[in-house]
Protein backbone atom coordinates (compact mmCIF):
# COMPACT_ATOMS: atom_id res chain seq x y z
CA MET A 1 4.58 13.07 -22.07
CA SER A 2 3.51 11.74 -18.80
CA ARG A 3 5.00 12.20 -15.14
CA PRO A 4 7.32 9.18 -14.58
CA VAL A 5 6.14 7.04 -11.46
CA LYS A 6 7.15 8.29 -8.01
CA VAL A 7 8.80 5.56 -6.17
CA ARG A 8 6.87 5.24 -2.99
CA ARG A 9 8.54 4.49 -0.03
CA ILE A 10 7.28 1.60 2.37
CA CYS A 11 8.13 0.70 5.98
CA GLU A 12 8.42 -2.96 5.43
CA GLU A 13 6.66 -6.08 3.48
CA PRO A 14 3.64 -7.75 4.46
CA LYS A 15 4.16 -10.86 6.24
CA PHE A 16 1.46 -12.39 4.89
CA ARG A 17 1.44 -12.51 1.23
CA SER A 18 -1.92 -13.98 0.11
CA PHE A 19 -5.17 -15.15 1.43
CA ALA A 20 -8.59 -16.93 0.02
CA PRO A 21 -11.31 -17.84 1.08
CA THR A 22 -12.04 -21.69 2.71
CA GLY A 23 -14.84 -23.91 1.51
CA VAL A 24 -14.06 -22.73 -2.29
CA GLU A 25 -11.76 -23.76 -5.12
CA VAL A 26 -10.54 -20.09 -5.53
CA VAL A 27 -10.54 -19.72 -9.74
CA LYS A 28 -9.82 -15.93 -9.71
CA THR A 29 -7.13 -13.62 -7.67
CA GLU A 30 -7.18 -9.94 -7.21
CA VAL A 31 -3.45 -8.60 -6.92
CA LEU A 32 -3.08 -5.67 -4.68
CA THR A 33 0.25 -4.03 -5.10
CA MET A 34 2.95 -3.11 -1.89
CA ASP A 35 1.88 0.20 -2.36
CA GLU A 36 -1.67 0.04 -2.39
CA TYR A 37 -0.46 -2.43 1.08
CA GLU A 38 0.87 0.40 2.36
CA VAL A 39 -1.76 3.23 2.22
CA LEU A 40 -4.18 0.63 3.97
CA ARG A 41 -1.87 -0.04 6.52
CA HIS A 42 -1.33 4.08 7.30
CA VAL A 43 -4.66 4.52 6.54
CA ASP A 44 -6.97 2.25 7.81
CA TYR A 45 -4.36 0.48 10.53
CA GLN A 46 -2.58 3.25 12.00
CA LYS A 47 -5.40 5.51 11.51
CA MET A 48 -3.43 8.22 9.60
CA THR A 49 -4.44 11.14 7.40
CA HIS A 50 -4.23 10.77 3.44
CA GLU A 51 -1.56 13.88 4.38
CA GLU A 52 0.27 11.63 7.11
CA CYS A 53 0.20 8.44 4.86
CA ALA A 54 1.72 11.11 1.77
CA LEU A 55 4.01 12.46 3.99
CA GLN A 56 5.45 9.25 5.19
CA MET A 57 5.66 7.72 1.61
CA ASP A 58 6.94 10.83 0.33
CA ILE A 59 4.13 11.18 -2.67
CA SER A 60 1.40 13.70 -3.06
CA ARG A 61 -1.86 13.30 -1.30
CA THR A 62 -4.07 12.98 -4.44
CA THR A 63 -1.37 10.22 -5.10
CA VAL A 64 -2.63 8.15 -1.72
CA THR A 65 -5.96 9.00 -2.33
CA GLU A 66 -5.93 7.33 -6.03
CA ILE A 67 -4.23 4.28 -4.66
CA TYR A 68 -6.67 3.83 -1.30
CA GLU A 69 -9.61 4.06 -3.43
CA SER A 70 -7.92 1.54 -6.14
CA ALA A 71 -6.88 -0.90 -3.53
CA ARG A 72 -10.61 -0.57 -1.29
CA TYR A 73 -11.76 -1.34 -4.80
CA LYS A 74 -9.97 -4.88 -4.81
CA MET A 75 -10.47 -5.77 -1.24
CA ALA A 76 -14.16 -5.27 -1.80
CA ASP A 77 -13.80 -7.85 -4.81
CA ALA A 78 -12.09 -10.12 -3.37
CA LEU A 79 -14.38 -10.19 -0.55
CA ILE A 80 -17.40 -10.23 -2.45
CA ASN A 81 -17.08 -12.63 -5.18
CA GLY A 82 -14.63 -14.84 -3.24
CA LYS A 83 -11.37 -14.23 -4.77
CA ALA A 84 -7.54 -15.07 -3.30
CA LEU A 85 -6.17 -11.56 -2.12
CA CYS A 86 -2.27 -11.71 -3.14
CA ILE A 87 -0.03 -9.15 -2.61
CA ASP A 88 2.94 -8.25 -4.77
CA GLY A 89 4.68 -5.68 -7.18
CA GLY A 90 4.56 -1.63 -7.56
CA ASN A 91 7.13 0.69 -7.65
CA PHE A 92 8.50 0.61 -4.31
CA ARG A 93 11.35 0.82 -1.90
CA VAL A 94 11.76 -0.16 1.88
CA CYS A 95 12.82 2.47 4.28
CA ASP A 96 16.05 2.39 6.11
CA GLY A 97 14.21 2.73 9.40
CA GLY A 98 15.96 6.75 9.79
CA GLU A 99 13.91 8.56 6.95
CA CYS A 100 9.98 8.14 8.82
CA LYS A 101 7.75 10.97 8.98
CA LYS A 102 5.83 9.55 11.41
CA ASP A 103 5.74 6.23 13.86
CA CYS A 104 6.25 3.09 11.65
CA THR A 105 6.98 -0.65 12.50
CA LYS A 106 10.64 -0.14 12.18
CA ASP A 107 13.12 2.09 15.03
CA CYS A 108 13.03 5.36 13.52
CA THR A 109 12.87 8.30 14.89
CA ASN A 110 9.97 10.84 15.28
CA ASN A 111 10.65 14.34 13.32
């Protein structure tokens, strides 16, 4: 029996939920989950290490790596093949602002 999926902590939901190429009629859509979005935000945008990201999201470093690889593939597929990209779903909860381990978008205490 496999382990249950741990709920991933995210700092905030994205301001924009979908992106689409212009000049073409979009036929297919790639869905990026909220936890994939959050890993990309922390690792690529905030320049966190996978270990720092794992601490922030309350998951293991190996899980961060798996999520990151999945998210990067989905983004590349959307860019290369002209697919729309939507951010939706996943097993997550939004942090309350006081539980952040490192800088996030809320007024959190840095631990």
